[in-house]
């Protein structure tokens, strides 16, 4: 007897018990259970590959875009790579006769570096220094903006303006700071990424500084738009052009600079020694009076005028000179490193990754008359 219930082509037939048993065993339509699981696994892997490919494409596109952006900010052919070793001066040695405090350190440096040095080959200057507070100019982050007006010395009657990022945690991050100036200033700008070395290794840091030299003597700034004109990549757009900036009162500073070259294994490395002393008033700065505070810095350049890598032997030699200076003269205020009592100048381990140290015979007598590079720095 036929049933009155009919099945259309699109309806699913009601399976009998045998069919149910086949489905539960994974063999519907004759498919092997292993093949079914394999197809499911391949489908999952295919989906994962699509997701990973999309992520990789996005990362590559972001890297390309970031590279394009940062190439507009910075010019690697103009940015120099330097290392600066720093000592804080014991000011009682410099009051009322700063030459008596500086010259012994200069002669000691020459002895350790194998260089014939003399006071007359350096130069002195007195400058006034001001800070600009442009924190509210929609800047990406707050930089140090500093003006130096030279009152005496070879730069007398000129001014510079620095835009500086301090305390970067890496050289890469310091180099990415968008500090490129406008096209008019670019070729006369001193641009550096610097490793700042202190007696305590935990105090080391990186910095980025761009110094403009083609500016009027004793410039004044009142509005954010004036800073944005000099550094168009640093300040956000749009910005508030008539938002005001403030300038601090001029601070008096004295500087003695000595420049030359270290020769290690026939490789010449430029260096610059700079003693900077802060005074409470311009009368004392101009007349060698009572001092406030100061530091000595010893800067060396990487190869190819700072645009290449460091010479490892030259950097190791510079490290050894710095250690000797700390041993002989100390660094005021550095009595502890990481909370562990140490001597006045600190117990110094290797300042840089170990490299083969040159023998003393590898240091020929360098140039007795250092080149005059003061116009560039």
Foldseek 3Di string as FASTA:
>chain_A
DDDPDDDDPPDDDDDDPVQVVCVVVVQPPHDDNVVVVVVVVVVVVVVVVVVVVVVVVVVVVVVVVLVVLLVVLDDLVQAFEKEKEKFWAPQVQQALNNCSVPVVLVVLLCVLLLEQEDQVLKKKWKWWKKWKFPQQFQFPHGWTWMKIATCDIPQHQFMKIKTKDPFAADLVVQSSQRQQWDPVQRVQKRWYWYWYHYLFLVPIGIMIMIMGGPDHHPDDFFWSLVVCNGRVSGHDPPTDGRDTMDMDDIWMKMKIKHWAWRAFLNDTKIKMKMKIWTDPDVVCNVNRHRTDIIMIMIMITAPPRRSDHRDVQVVQSVQVSSVVSCVVRNHPPPQDHPNDGDHRSHDDDRSDPDDDHDDPVRTDHGDNNGDPPVSSD
